[in-house]
Amino acid sequence: MGMATTANVEIDTTILERLRERFPGRSDRELLEAAARIRLGREAITDAQTRAALSDDEAIELGVKAVHDSRP
Protein backbone atom coordinates (compact mmCIF):
# COMPACT_ATOMS: atom_id res chain seq x y z
CA MET A 1 0.00 0.00 0.00
CA GLY A 2 1.39 3.42 -0.97
CA MET A 3 1.62 6.57 1.06
CA ALA A 4 -1.69 8.37 1.54
CA THR A 5 -2.20 11.61 -0.32
CA THR A 6 -2.82 14.53 2.02
CA ALA A 7 -4.49 17.92 1.69
CA ASN A 8 -4.18 21.12 3.66
CA VAL A 9 -7.47 22.21 5.22
CA GLU A 10 -8.74 25.09 7.28
CA ILE A 11 -10.80 24.38 10.39
CA ASP A 12 -12.39 26.61 12.97
CA THR A 13 -9.89 26.88 15.83
CA THR A 14 -12.64 26.64 18.44
CA ILE A 15 -13.78 23.28 17.06
CA LEU A 16 -10.22 22.00 16.90
CA GLU A 17 -9.58 23.08 20.48
CA ARG A 18 -12.71 21.28 21.66
CA LEU A 19 -11.50 18.10 19.93
CA ARG A 20 -8.08 18.48 21.55
CA GLU A 21 -9.68 18.84 24.99
CA ARG A 22 -11.93 15.84 24.51
CA PHE A 23 -9.19 13.60 23.05
CA PRO A 24 -5.85 14.70 24.54
CA GLY A 25 -2.64 13.24 23.20
CA ARG A 26 -3.85 12.87 19.62
CA SER A 27 -2.42 14.86 16.76
CA ASP A 28 -4.63 17.28 14.85
CA ARG A 29 -4.52 14.88 11.89
CA GLU A 30 -5.67 11.96 14.06
CA LEU A 31 -8.51 14.07 15.48
CA LEU A 32 -9.79 15.17 12.08
CA GLU A 33 -9.47 11.71 10.51
CA ALA A 34 -11.34 10.11 13.43
CA ALA A 35 -14.13 12.68 13.15
CA ALA A 36 -14.42 12.04 9.41
CA ARG A 37 -14.53 8.25 9.92
CA ILE A 38 -17.25 8.62 12.54
CA ARG A 39 -19.35 10.77 10.23
CA LEU A 40 -18.90 8.42 7.28
CA GLY A 41 -19.76 5.43 9.47
CA ARG A 42 -22.95 7.05 10.72
CA GLU A 43 -23.98 7.87 7.16
CA ALA A 44 -23.31 4.27 6.09
CA ILE A 45 -25.49 2.98 8.95
CA THR A 46 -28.28 5.39 8.02
CA ASP A 47 -28.08 4.37 4.35
CA ALA A 48 -28.16 0.66 5.22
CA GLN A 49 -31.06 1.23 7.60
CA THR A 50 -33.01 3.07 4.92
CA ARG A 51 -32.33 0.45 2.23
CA ALA A 52 -33.33 -2.39 4.55
CA ALA A 53 -36.34 -0.51 5.98
CA LEU A 54 -35.18 -1.18 9.55
CA SER A 55 -36.45 0.59 12.64
CA ASP A 56 -33.90 2.20 14.98
CA ASP A 57 -34.20 -0.74 17.38
CA GLU A 58 -33.73 -3.28 14.58
CA ALA A 59 -30.67 -1.43 13.26
CA ILE A 60 -29.12 -1.27 16.74
CA GLU A 61 -29.83 -4.97 17.31
CA LEU A 62 -28.23 -5.85 13.97
CA GLY A 63 -25.19 -3.69 14.79
CA VAL A 64 -24.74 -5.26 18.21
CA LYS A 65 -24.99 -8.74 16.69
CA ALA A 66 -22.36 -7.84 14.07
CA VAL A 67 -19.98 -6.62 16.75
CA HIS A 68 -20.47 -9.77 18.84
CA ASP A 69 -20.07 -12.02 15.78
CA SER A 70 -16.80 -10.33 14.87
CA ARG A 71 -15.21 -11.06 18.25
CA PRO A 72 -13.17 -14.25 18.66
PDB file of N, CA and C in Angstrom:
ATOM      1  N   MET A   1       0.851  -1.168   0.000  1.00  0.00           N
ATOM      2  CA  MET A   1       0.000   0.000   0.000  1.00  0.00           C
ATOM      3  C   MET A   1       0.893   1.226   0.000  1.00  0.00           C
ATOM      4  N   GLY A   2       0.578   2.214  -0.862  1.00  0.00           N
ATOM      5  CA  GLY A   2       1.388   3.417  -0.966  1.00  0.00           C
ATOM      6  C   GLY A   2       1.048   4.434   0.102  1.00  0.00           C
ATOM      7  N   MET A   3       1.816   5.473   0.100  1.00  0.00           N
ATOM      8  CA  MET A   3       1.617   6.566   1.059  1.00  0.00           C
ATOM      9  C   MET A   3       0.322   7.298   0.733  1.00  0.00           C
ATOM     10  N   ALA A   4      -0.438   7.652   1.731  1.00  0.00           N
ATOM     11  CA  ALA A   4      -1.694   8.366   1.536  1.00  0.00           C
ATOM     12  C   ALA A   4      -1.425   9.779   1.047  1.00  0.00           C
ATOM     13  N   THR A   5      -2.271  10.235   0.143  1.00  0.00           N
ATOM     14  CA  THR A   5      -2.196  11.607  -0.320  1.00  0.00           C
ATOM     15  C   THR A   5      -2.846  12.487   0.736  1.00  0.00           C
ATOM     16  N   THR A   6      -2.276  13.635   1.009  1.00  0.00           N
ATOM     17  CA  THR A   6      -2.819  14.532   2.018  1.00  0.00           C
ATOM     18  C   THR A   6      -3.246  15.847   1.386  1.00  0.00           C
ATOM     19  N   ALA A   7      -4.032  16.604   2.133  1.00  0.00           N
ATOM     20  CA  ALA A   7      -4.488  17.917   1.689  1.00  0.00           C
ATOM     21  C   ALA A   7      -4.453  18.863   2.878  1.00  0.00           C
ATOM     22  N   ASN A   8      -4.118  20.096   2.624  1.00  0.00           N
ATOM     23  CA  ASN A   8      -4.184  21.116   3.660  1.00  0.00           C
ATOM     24  C   ASN A   8      -5.624  21.581   3.777  1.00  0.00           C
ATOM     25  N   VAL A   9      -6.104  21.751   4.997  1.00  0.00           N
ATOM     26  CA  VAL A   9      -7.472  22.209   5.224  1.00  0.00           C
ATOM     27  C   VAL A   9      -7.475  23.316   6.258  1.00  0.00           C
ATOM     28  N   GLU A  10      -8.539  24.085   6.246  1.00  0.00           N
ATOM     29  CA  GLU A  10      -8.745  25.092   7.280  1.00  0.00           C
ATOM     30  C   GLU A  10      -9.887  24.607   8.149  1.00  0.00           C
ATOM     31  N   ILE A  11      -9.754  24.783   9.454  1.00  0.00           N
ATOM     32  CA  ILE A  11     -10.803  24.376  10.391  1.00  0.00           C
ATOM     33  C   ILE A  11     -10.924  25.439  11.467  1.00  0.00           C
ATOM     34  N   ASP A  12     -12.124  25.644  11.914  1.00  0.00           N
ATOM     35  CA  ASP A  12     -12.390  26.614  12.973  1.00  0.00           C
ATOM     36  C   ASP A  12     -11.552  26.243  14.195  1.00  0.00           C
ATOM     37  N   THR A  13     -10.782  27.171  14.713  1.00  0.00           N
ATOM     38  CA  THR A  13      -9.886  26.881  15.831  1.00  0.00           C
ATOM     39  C   THR A  13     -10.640  26.486  17.101  1.00  0.00           C
ATOM     40  N   THR A  14     -11.848  27.001  17.262  1.00  0.00           N
ATOM     41  CA  THR A  14     -12.643  26.636  18.436  1.00  0.00           C
ATOM     42  C   THR A  14     -13.034  25.162  18.388  1.00  0.00           C
ATOM     43  N   ILE A  15     -13.420  24.693  17.224  1.00  0.00           N
ATOM     44  CA  ILE A  15     -13.782  23.281  17.062  1.00  0.00           C
ATOM     45  C   ILE A  15     -12.563  22.406  17.296  1.00  0.00           C
ATOM     46  N   LEU A  16     -11.437  22.781  16.723  1.00  0.00           N
ATOM     47  CA  LEU A  16     -10.219  21.998  16.897  1.00  0.00           C
ATOM     48  C   LEU A  16      -9.804  21.952  18.361  1.00  0.00           C
ATOM     49  N   GLU A  17      -9.927  23.055  19.050  1.00  0.00           N
ATOM     50  CA  GLU A  17      -9.578  23.083  20.477  1.00  0.00           C
ATOM     51  C   GLU A  17     -10.494  22.177  21.283  1.00  0.00           C
ATOM     52  N   ARG A  18     -11.772  22.168  20.959  1.00  0.00           N
ATOM     53  CA  ARG A  18     -12.711  21.276  21.660  1.00  0.00           C
ATOM     54  C   ARG A  18     -12.344  19.814  21.431  1.00  0.00           C
ATOM     55  N   LEU A  19     -11.939  19.474  20.206  1.00  0.00           N
ATOM     56  CA  LEU A  19     -11.496  18.103  19.929  1.00  0.00           C
ATOM     57  C   LEU A  19     -10.238  17.769  20.728  1.00  0.00           C
ATOM     58  N   ARG A  20      -9.316  18.711  20.790  1.00  0.00           N
ATOM     59  CA  ARG A  20      -8.076  18.484  21.553  1.00  0.00           C
ATOM     60  C   ARG A  20      -8.368  18.246  23.027  1.00  0.00           C
ATOM     61  N   GLU A  21      -9.319  19.005  23.583  1.00  0.00           N
ATOM     62  CA  GLU A  21      -9.682  18.839  24.994  1.00  0.00           C
ATOM     63  C   GLU A  21     -10.338  17.485  25.238  1.00  0.00           C
ATOM     64  N   ARG A  22     -11.184  17.085  24.336  1.00  0.00           N
ATOM     65  CA  ARG A  22     -11.926  15.836  24.507  1.00  0.00           C
ATOM     66  C   ARG A  22     -11.046  14.612  24.286  1.00  0.00           C
ATOM     67  N   PHE A  23     -10.056  14.729  23.383  1.00  0.00           N
ATOM     68  CA  PHE A  23      -9.185  13.601  23.050  1.00  0.00           C
ATOM     69  C   PHE A  23      -7.721  14.017  23.152  1.00  0.00           C
ATOM     70  N   PRO A  24      -7.235  14.242  24.378  1.00  0.00           N
ATOM     71  CA  PRO A  24      -5.851  14.704  24.541  1.00  0.00           C
ATOM     72  C   PRO A  24      -4.848  13.658  24.069  1.00  0.00           C
ATOM     73  N   GLY A  25      -3.713  14.146  23.615  1.00  0.00           N
ATOM     74  CA  GLY A  25      -2.644  13.245  23.199  1.00  0.00           C
ATOM     75  C   GLY A  25      -2.696  12.835  21.737  1.00  0.00           C
ATOM     76  N   ARG A  26      -3.749  13.206  21.037  1.00  0.00           N
ATOM     77  CA  ARG A  26      -3.850  12.871  19.620  1.00  0.00           C
ATOM     78  C   ARG A  26      -3.405  14.071  18.785  1.00  0.00           C
ATOM     79  N   SER A  27      -2.817  13.777  17.657  1.00  0.00           N
ATOM     80  CA  SER A  27      -2.419  14.859  16.755  1.00  0.00           C
ATOM     81  C   SER A  27      -3.664  15.446  16.088  1.00  0.00           C
ATOM     82  N   ASP A  28      -3.508  16.650  15.549  1.00  0.00           N
ATOM     83  CA  ASP A  28      -4.630  17.276  14.847  1.00  0.00           C
ATOM     84  C   ASP A  28      -5.096  16.377  13.697  1.00  0.00           C
ATOM     85  N   ARG A  29      -4.173  15.772  12.997  1.00  0.00           N
ATOM     86  CA  ARG A  29      -4.522  14.878  11.889  1.00  0.00           C
ATOM     87  C   ARG A  29      -5.345  13.702  12.398  1.00  0.00           C
ATOM     88  N   GLU A  30      -4.928  13.089  13.500  1.00  0.00           N
ATOM     89  CA  GLU A  30      -5.670  11.959  14.062  1.00  0.00           C
ATOM     90  C   GLU A  30      -7.083  12.383  14.468  1.00  0.00           C
ATOM     91  N   LEU A  31      -7.205  13.570  15.053  1.00  0.00           N
ATOM     92  CA  LEU A  31      -8.507  14.072  15.475  1.00  0.00           C
ATOM     93  C   LEU A  31      -9.449  14.255  14.288  1.00  0.00           C
ATOM     94  N   LEU A  32      -8.956  14.889  13.243  1.00  0.00           N
ATOM     95  CA  LEU A  32      -9.791  15.166  12.079  1.00  0.00           C
ATOM     96  C   LEU A  32     -10.142  13.894  11.315  1.00  0.00           C
ATOM     97  N   GLU A  33      -9.190  12.970  11.204  1.00  0.00           N
ATOM     98  CA  GLU A  33      -9.466  11.713  10.513  1.00  0.00           C
ATOM     99  C   GLU A  33     -10.481  10.879  11.290  1.00  0.00           C
ATOM    100  N   ALA A  34     -10.381  10.854  12.611  1.00  0.00           N
ATOM    101  CA  ALA A  34     -11.342  10.108  13.425  1.00  0.00           C
ATOM    102  C   ALA A  34     -12.738  10.709  13.280  1.00  0.00           C
ATOM    103  N   ALA A  35     -12.826  12.024  13.302  1.00  0.00           N
ATOM    104  CA  ALA A  35     -14.127  12.684  13.152  1.00  0.00           C
ATOM    105  C   ALA A  35     -14.739  12.359  11.786  1.00  0.00           C
ATOM    106  N   ALA A  36     -13.924  12.360  10.754  1.00  0.00           N
ATOM    107  CA  ALA A  36     -14.421  12.037   9.414  1.00  0.00           C
ATOM    108  C   ALA A  36     -14.893  10.588   9.338  1.00  0.00           C
ATOM    109  N   ARG A  37     -14.131   9.665   9.935  1.00  0.00           N
ATOM    110  CA  ARG A  37     -14.532   8.251   9.919  1.00  0.00           C
ATOM    111  C   ARG A  37     -15.839   8.047  10.660  1.00  0.00           C
ATOM    112  N   ILE A  38     -16.006   8.729  11.780  1.00  0.00           N
ATOM    113  CA  ILE A  38     -17.253   8.616  12.544  1.00  0.00           C
ATOM    114  C   ILE A  38     -18.429   9.087  11.699  1.00  0.00           C
ATOM    115  N   ARG A  39     -18.261  10.222  11.057  1.00  0.00           N
ATOM    116  CA  ARG A  39     -19.346  10.772  10.232  1.00  0.00           C
ATOM    117  C   ARG A  39     -19.679   9.833   9.078  1.00  0.00           C
ATOM    118  N   LEU A  40     -18.662   9.331   8.402  1.00  0.00           N
ATOM    119  CA  LEU A  40     -18.897   8.422   7.282  1.00  0.00           C
ATOM    120  C   LEU A  40     -19.561   7.132   7.752  1.00  0.00           C
ATOM    121  N   GLY A  41     -19.161   6.641   8.912  1.00  0.00           N
ATOM    122  CA  GLY A  41     -19.765   5.429   9.466  1.00  0.00           C
ATOM    123  C   GLY A  41     -21.230   5.628   9.799  1.00  0.00           C
ATOM    124  N   ARG A  42     -21.541   6.759  10.380  1.00  0.00           N
ATOM    125  CA  ARG A  42     -22.947   7.051  10.717  1.00  0.00           C
ATOM    126  C   ARG A  42     -23.793   7.147   9.458  1.00  0.00           C
ATOM    127  N   GLU A  43     -23.244   7.772   8.423  1.00  0.00           N
ATOM    128  CA  GLU A  43     -23.984   7.871   7.164  1.00  0.00           C
ATOM    129  C   GLU A  43     -24.189   6.495   6.539  1.00  0.00           C
ATOM    130  N   ALA A  44     -23.183   5.623   6.632  1.00  0.00           N
ATOM    131  CA  ALA A  44     -23.311   4.269   6.089  1.00  0.00           C
ATOM    132  C   ALA A  44     -24.391   3.495   6.833  1.00  0.00           C
ATOM    133  N   ILE A  45     -24.446   3.658   8.147  1.00  0.00           N
ATOM    134  CA  ILE A  45     -25.488   2.982   8.946  1.00  0.00           C
ATOM    135  C   ILE A  45     -26.861   3.498   8.542  1.00  0.00           C
ATOM    136  N   THR A  46     -27.000   4.800   8.406  1.00  0.00           N
ATOM    137  CA  THR A  46     -28.282   5.387   8.018  1.00  0.00           C
ATOM    138  C   THR A  46     -28.706   4.900   6.642  1.00  0.00           C
ATOM    139  N   ASP A  47     -27.771   4.858   5.698  1.00  0.00           N
ATOM    140  CA  ASP A  47     -28.083   4.374   4.353  1.00  0.00           C
ATOM    141  C   ASP A  47     -28.530   2.917   4.380  1.00  0.00           C
ATOM    142  N   ALA A  48     -27.807   2.082   5.120  1.00  0.00           N
ATOM    143  CA  ALA A  48     -28.163   0.664   5.216  1.00  0.00           C
ATOM    144  C   ALA A  48     -29.527   0.502   5.875  1.00  0.00           C
ATOM    145  N   GLN A  49     -29.778   1.296   6.897  1.00  0.00           N
ATOM    146  CA  GLN A  49     -31.056   1.227   7.600  1.00  0.00           C
ATOM    147  C   GLN A  49     -32.196   1.605   6.655  1.00  0.00           C
ATOM    148  N   THR A  50     -31.988   2.622   5.856  1.00  0.00           N
ATOM    149  CA  THR A  50     -33.009   3.069   4.920  1.00  0.00           C
ATOM    150  C   THR A  50     -33.270   2.008   3.847  1.00  0.00           C
ATOM    151  N   ARG A  51     -32.183   1.464   3.279  1.00  0.00           N
ATOM    152  CA  ARG A  51     -32.334   0.447   2.229  1.00  0.00           C
ATOM    153  C   ARG A  51     -33.028  -0.807   2.752  1.00  0.00           C
ATOM    154  N   ALA A  52     -32.766  -1.170   3.985  1.00  0.00           N
ATOM    155  CA  ALA A  52     -33.325  -2.391   4.552  1.00  0.00           C
ATOM    156  C   ALA A  52     -34.656  -2.141   5.273  1.00  0.00           C
ATOM    157  N   ALA A  53     -35.089  -0.893   5.315  1.00  0.00           N
ATOM    158  CA  ALA A  53     -36.336  -0.513   5.981  1.00  0.00           C
ATOM    159  C   ALA A  53     -36.363  -1.008   7.426  1.00  0.00           C
ATOM    160  N   LEU A  54     -35.273  -0.770   8.157  1.00  0.00           N
ATOM    161  CA  LEU A  54     -35.179  -1.183   9.552  1.00  0.00           C
ATOM    162  C   LEU A  54     -35.578  -0.044  10.478  1.00  0.00           C
ATOM    163  N   SER A  55     -36.179  -0.396  11.598  1.00  0.00           N
ATOM    164  CA  SER A  55     -36.447   0.594  12.643  1.00  0.00           C
ATOM    165  C   SER A  55     -35.132   0.874  13.365  1.00  0.00           C
ATOM    166  N   ASP A  56     -35.108   1.902  14.200  1.00  0.00           N
ATOM    167  CA  ASP A  56     -33.905   2.202  14.976  1.00  0.00           C
ATOM    168  C   ASP A  56     -33.505   1.012  15.840  1.00  0.00           C
ATOM    169  N   ASP A  57     -34.491   0.406  16.508  1.00  0.00           N
ATOM    170  CA  ASP A  57     -34.200  -0.740  17.377  1.00  0.00           C
ATOM    171  C   ASP A  57     -33.649  -1.926  16.586  1.00  0.00           C
ATOM    172  N   GLU A  58     -34.208  -2.176  15.413  1.00  0.00           N
ATOM    173  CA  GLU A  58     -33.726  -3.280  14.579  1.00  0.00           C
ATOM    174  C   GLU A  58     -32.299  -3.019  14.096  1.00  0.00           C
ATOM    175  N   ALA A  59     -32.017  -1.778  13.724  1.00  0.00           N
ATOM    176  CA  ALA A  59     -30.674  -1.430  13.258  1.00  0.00           C
ATOM    177  C   ALA A  59     -29.659  -1.581  14.384  1.00  0.00           C
ATOM    178  N   ILE A  60     -30.022  -1.143  15.582  1.00  0.00           N
ATOM    179  CA  ILE A  60     -29.120  -1.275  16.736  1.00  0.00           C
ATOM    180  C   ILE A  60     -28.887  -2.746  17.049  1.00  0.00           C
ATOM    181  N   GLU A  61     -29.953  -3.537  17.035  1.00  0.00           N
ATOM    182  CA  GLU A  61     -29.831  -4.970  17.310  1.00  0.00           C
ATOM    183  C   GLU A  61     -28.914  -5.641  16.284  1.00  0.00           C
ATOM    184  N   LEU A  62     -29.074  -5.292  15.023  1.00  0.00           N
ATOM    185  CA  LEU A  62     -28.227  -5.847  13.973  1.00  0.00           C
ATOM    186  C   LEU A  62     -26.772  -5.424  14.172  1.00  0.00           C
ATOM    187  N   GLY A  63     -26.547  -4.176  14.541  1.00  0.00           N
ATOM    188  CA  GLY A  63     -25.188  -3.690  14.787  1.00  0.00           C
ATOM    189  C   GLY A  63     -24.530  -4.389  15.954  1.00  0.00           C
ATOM    190  N   VAL A  64     -25.275  -4.575  17.046  1.00  0.00           N
ATOM    191  CA  VAL A  64     -24.745  -5.259  18.215  1.00  0.00           C
ATOM    192  C   VAL A  64     -24.391  -6.691  17.863  1.00  0.00           C
ATOM    193  N   LYS A  65     -25.264  -7.354  17.098  1.00  0.00           N
ATOM    194  CA  LYS A  65     -24.988  -8.742  16.688  1.00  0.00           C
ATOM    195  C   LYS A  65     -23.725  -8.801  15.836  1.00  0.00           C
ATOM    196  N   ALA A  66     -23.556  -7.854  14.924  1.00  0.00           N
ATOM    197  CA  ALA A  66     -22.362  -7.844  14.065  1.00  0.00           C
ATOM    198  C   ALA A  66     -21.092  -7.683  14.883  1.00  0.00           C
ATOM    199  N   VAL A  67     -21.142  -6.829  15.893  1.00  0.00           N
ATOM    200  CA  VAL A  67     -19.975  -6.625  16.752  1.00  0.00           C
ATOM    201  C   VAL A  67     -19.664  -7.905  17.514  1.00  0.00           C
ATOM    202  N   HIS A  68     -20.681  -8.520  18.083  1.00  0.00           N
ATOM    203  CA  HIS A  68     -20.472  -9.771  18.837  1.00  0.00           C
ATOM    204  C   HIS A  68     -19.958 -10.887  17.931  1.00  0.00           C
ATOM    205  N   ASP A  69     -20.502 -10.977  16.721  1.00  0.00           N
ATOM    206  CA  ASP A  69     -20.075 -12.019  15.779  1.00  0.00           C
ATOM    207  C   ASP A  69     -18.634 -11.831  15.323  1.00  0.00           C
ATOM    208  N   SER A  70     -18.161 -10.596  15.346  1.00  0.00           N
ATOM    209  CA  SER A  70     -16.799 -10.326  14.866  1.00  0.00           C
ATOM    210  C   SER A  70     -15.736 -10.603  15.924  1.00  0.00           C
ATOM    211  N   ARG A  71     -16.163 -10.788  17.155  1.00  0.00           N
ATOM    212  CA  ARG A  71     -15.212 -11.056  18.246  1.00  0.00           C
ATOM    213  C   ARG A  71     -14.857 -12.528  18.261  1.00  0.00           C
ATOM    214  N   PRO A  72     -13.589 -12.830  18.614  1.00  0.00           N
ATOM    215  CA  PRO A  72     -13.169 -14.248  18.656  1.00  0.00           C
ATOM    216  C   PRO A  72     -13.815 -15.011  19.784  1.00  0.00           C
TER     217      PRO A  72
END
